[in-house]
């Protein structure tokens, strides 16, 4: 019984490593959780245990320099995956590949376009907007607004239109 459960946990850890290899960029905790839950690869509590173990064993790194923690596969993790990849059932790898193909643009956009706001006082909200590419900030905007509604609307519109707004801002500044 223990041998079978140990084998199953090893395969599930390999699945997590396979996701990192397939996506080829760091994922936030919420993005990784979403992938695991939407593909029904394992339950949430096992996933949290496995990601902690992978991090502890230096197969995955956790970068907390930004507002969200990001996980990345390490060289050691990649070597381990390459050595044991045949243990992951082919159908499961195909399922992950298909999901990531369908979701990659959304995941990249979530990683590169940031928007959040916080309440400063009763009638003041600070909005922070940014676009990041190759770990470099292309634009950072800080805006002070009088209402929660305006702050929320600007954050939503930035998430939807950041690329075109960034271009528009550049054109306005170049004129």
Protein backbone atom coordinates (compact mmCIF):
# COMPACT_ATOMS: atom_id res chain seq x y z
CA UNK A 1 0.00 0.00 0.00
CA UNK A 2 2.73 2.51 0.95
CA UNK A 3 4.78 1.65 -2.12
CA UNK A 4 1.83 2.34 -4.43
CA UNK A 5 1.00 5.65 -2.71
CA UNK A 6 4.69 6.64 -2.81
CA UNK A 7 4.79 5.88 -6.55
CA UNK A 8 1.60 7.90 -7.09
CA UNK A 9 3.00 10.91 -5.20
CA UNK A 10 6.21 10.74 -7.25
CA UNK A 11 4.19 10.78 -10.48
CA UNK A 12 2.11 13.72 -9.27
CA UNK A 13 5.26 15.68 -8.44
CA UNK A 14 6.54 14.88 -11.92
CA UNK A 15 3.25 16.27 -13.30
CA UNK A 16 3.93 19.57 -11.57
CA UNK A 17 7.45 19.65 -13.00
CA UNK A 18 6.03 18.80 -16.44
CA UNK A 19 3.71 21.81 -16.26
CA UNK A 20 6.68 24.09 -15.63
CA UNK A 21 8.66 22.59 -18.47
CA UNK A 22 5.70 22.90 -20.84
CA UNK A 23 4.79 26.48 -19.97
CA UNK A 24 8.40 27.71 -19.98
CA UNK A 25 7.88 30.69 -17.64
CA UNK A 26 7.25 31.21 -13.95
CA UNK A 27 3.75 30.76 -12.63
CA UNK A 28 2.07 32.41 -9.68
CA UNK A 29 0.63 30.27 -6.96
CA UNK A 30 -2.91 31.04 -8.12
CA UNK A 31 -2.10 30.23 -11.77
CA UNK A 32 -0.53 26.92 -10.83
CA UNK A 33 -3.45 26.08 -8.55
CA UNK A 34 -5.89 26.93 -11.34
CA UNK A 35 -4.08 24.61 -13.77
CA UNK A 36 -4.08 21.76 -11.26
CA UNK A 37 -7.76 22.22 -10.38
CA UNK A 38 -9.06 22.74 -13.92
CA UNK A 39 -7.21 19.70 -15.26
CA UNK A 40 -8.22 17.66 -12.20
CA UNK A 41 -4.70 16.26 -11.87
CA UNK A 42 -4.82 16.04 -8.07
CA UNK A 43 -6.64 17.49 -5.13
CA UNK A 44 -5.72 20.89 -3.74
CA UNK A 45 -4.22 19.67 -0.47
CA UNK A 46 -1.93 17.16 -2.13
CA UNK A 47 -0.87 19.81 -4.63
CA UNK A 48 0.08 22.21 -1.81
CA UNK A 49 2.04 19.44 -0.10
CA UNK A 50 3.85 18.47 -3.31
CA UNK A 51 4.77 22.03 -4.31
CA UNK A 52 6.22 22.56 -0.83
CA UNK A 53 8.23 19.33 -1.12
CA UNK A 54 9.46 20.23 -4.62
CA UNK A 55 10.57 23.63 -3.32
CA UNK A 56 12.22 22.13 -0.24
CA UNK A 57 14.14 19.68 -2.45
CA UNK A 58 15.29 22.50 -4.81
CA UNK A 59 13.43 21.10 -7.82
CA UNK A 60 11.32 24.26 -7.92
CA UNK A 61 12.21 27.76 -6.74
CA UNK A 62 9.86 30.26 -5.19
CA UNK A 63 10.49 33.91 -6.05
CA UNK A 64 8.71 36.35 -3.77
CA UNK A 65 10.27 39.55 -5.08
CA UNK A 66 7.05 40.75 -6.72
CA UNK A 67 3.57 41.12 -5.25
CA UNK A 68 2.80 37.51 -6.16
CA UNK A 69 5.07 34.62 -5.46
CA UNK A 70 6.25 32.86 -8.61
CA UNK A 71 7.41 29.32 -8.99
CA UNK A 72 9.98 28.16 -11.56
CA UNK A 73 11.55 24.81 -12.29
CA UNK A 74 15.26 24.57 -11.42
CA UNK A 75 17.99 22.87 -13.42
CA UNK A 76 17.84 20.02 -10.93
CA UNK A 77 14.06 19.83 -11.43
CA UNK A 78 14.47 19.76 -15.21
CA UNK A 79 17.08 17.00 -14.98
CA UNK A 80 14.82 14.96 -12.71
CA UNK A 81 11.88 15.40 -15.03
CA UNK A 82 13.89 14.48 -18.11
CA UNK A 83 15.13 11.33 -16.40
CA UNK A 84 11.67 10.19 -15.21
CA UNK A 85 9.32 11.73 -17.81
CA UNK A 86 8.38 8.30 -19.18
CA UNK A 87 6.69 7.55 -15.84
CA UNK A 88 4.01 10.14 -16.59
CA UNK A 89 1.26 8.47 -18.62
CA UNK A 90 1.19 9.72 -22.20
CA UNK A 91 -2.53 10.55 -22.00
CA UNK A 92 -1.91 12.74 -18.96
CA UNK A 93 0.91 14.59 -20.73
CA UNK A 94 -1.41 15.16 -23.70
CA UNK A 95 -4.11 16.49 -21.36
CA UNK A 96 -1.65 18.98 -19.83
CA UNK A 97 -0.29 20.00 -23.23
CA UNK A 98 -3.80 20.61 -24.59
CA UNK A 99 -4.82 22.66 -21.54
CA UNK A 100 -1.65 24.78 -21.70
CA UNK A 101 -2.03 25.33 -25.44
CA UNK A 102 -5.55 26.65 -24.83
CA UNK A 103 -4.53 28.74 -21.79
CA UNK A 104 -1.01 29.98 -22.52
CA UNK A 105 -2.02 33.40 -23.86
CA UNK A 106 -4.20 34.06 -20.81
CA UNK A 107 -1.45 32.88 -18.45
CA UNK A 108 1.16 35.08 -20.15
CA UNK A 109 -1.19 38.06 -20.04
CA UNK A 110 -1.88 37.45 -16.34
CA UNK A 111 1.85 37.36 -15.71
CA UNK A 112 2.74 40.46 -17.72
CA UNK A 113 -0.14 42.85 -17.06
CA UNK A 114 -0.65 44.00 -13.49
CA UNK A 115 -3.36 46.16 -12.01
CA UNK A 116 -4.39 46.68 -8.43
CA UNK A 117 -5.72 49.37 -6.18
CA UNK A 118 -5.93 50.13 -2.50
CA UNK A 119 -7.91 52.50 -0.37
CA UNK A 120 -5.83 55.40 0.96
CA UNK A 121 -8.55 57.38 2.69
CA UNK A 122 -12.32 57.74 2.58
CA UNK A 123 -12.22 59.44 -0.84
CA UNK A 124 -8.87 58.38 -2.25
CA UNK A 125 -7.79 55.19 -3.96
CA UNK A 126 -4.30 54.49 -5.28
CA UNK A 127 -4.23 52.54 -8.54
CA UNK A 128 -1.04 50.86 -9.74
CA UNK A 129 -0.80 49.64 -13.33
CA UNK A 130 2.13 48.01 -15.11
CA UNK A 131 3.23 45.98 -18.10
CA UNK A 132 6.19 43.65 -17.68
CA UNK A 133 8.11 41.93 -20.46
CA UNK A 134 11.13 39.66 -19.98
CA UNK A 135 11.22 40.59 -16.27
CA UNK A 136 11.61 44.29 -17.20
CA UNK A 137 8.96 46.89 -16.55
CA UNK A 138 7.80 48.56 -19.77
CA UNK A 139 5.48 50.96 -17.99
CA UNK A 140 4.41 51.68 -14.42
CA UNK A 141 1.56 54.06 -13.73
CA UNK A 142 0.29 55.28 -10.38
CA UNK A 143 -3.02 57.10 -10.34
CA UNK A 144 -4.97 58.60 -7.47
CA UNK A 145 -8.77 58.42 -7.82
CA UNK A 146 -11.70 59.54 -5.67
CA UNK A 147 -13.85 56.38 -5.82
CA UNK A 148 -13.66 52.64 -5.53
CA UNK A 149 -15.82 52.33 -8.65
CA UNK A 150 -13.37 54.36 -10.77
CA UNK A 151 -10.37 52.45 -9.40
CA UNK A 152 -11.99 49.08 -10.13
CA UNK A 153 -13.02 50.20 -13.65
CA UNK A 154 -9.53 51.41 -14.51
CA UNK A 155 -7.99 48.14 -13.27
CA UNK A 156 -10.45 46.09 -15.33
CA UNK A 157 -9.88 48.19 -18.46
CA UNK A 158 -6.10 47.99 -18.01
CA UNK A 159 -6.26 44.19 -17.80
CA UNK A 160 -8.30 44.06 -21.02
CA UNK A 161 -6.50 46.77 -23.03
CA UNK A 162 -3.00 47.26 -21.58
CA UNK A 163 -1.14 46.59 -24.82
CA UNK A 164 -3.09 49.10 -26.89
CA UNK A 165 -3.17 51.63 -24.03
CA UNK A 166 0.60 51.33 -23.67
CA UNK A 167 0.99 52.08 -27.38
CA UNK A 168 -1.42 55.01 -27.13
CA UNK A 169 0.47 56.48 -24.17
CA UNK A 170 3.78 56.21 -26.07
CA UNK A 171 2.26 57.91 -29.13
CA UNK A 172 0.92 60.75 -26.98
CA UNK A 173 4.29 61.25 -25.32
CA UNK A 174 6.23 61.16 -28.59
CA UNK A 175 4.07 63.86 -30.26
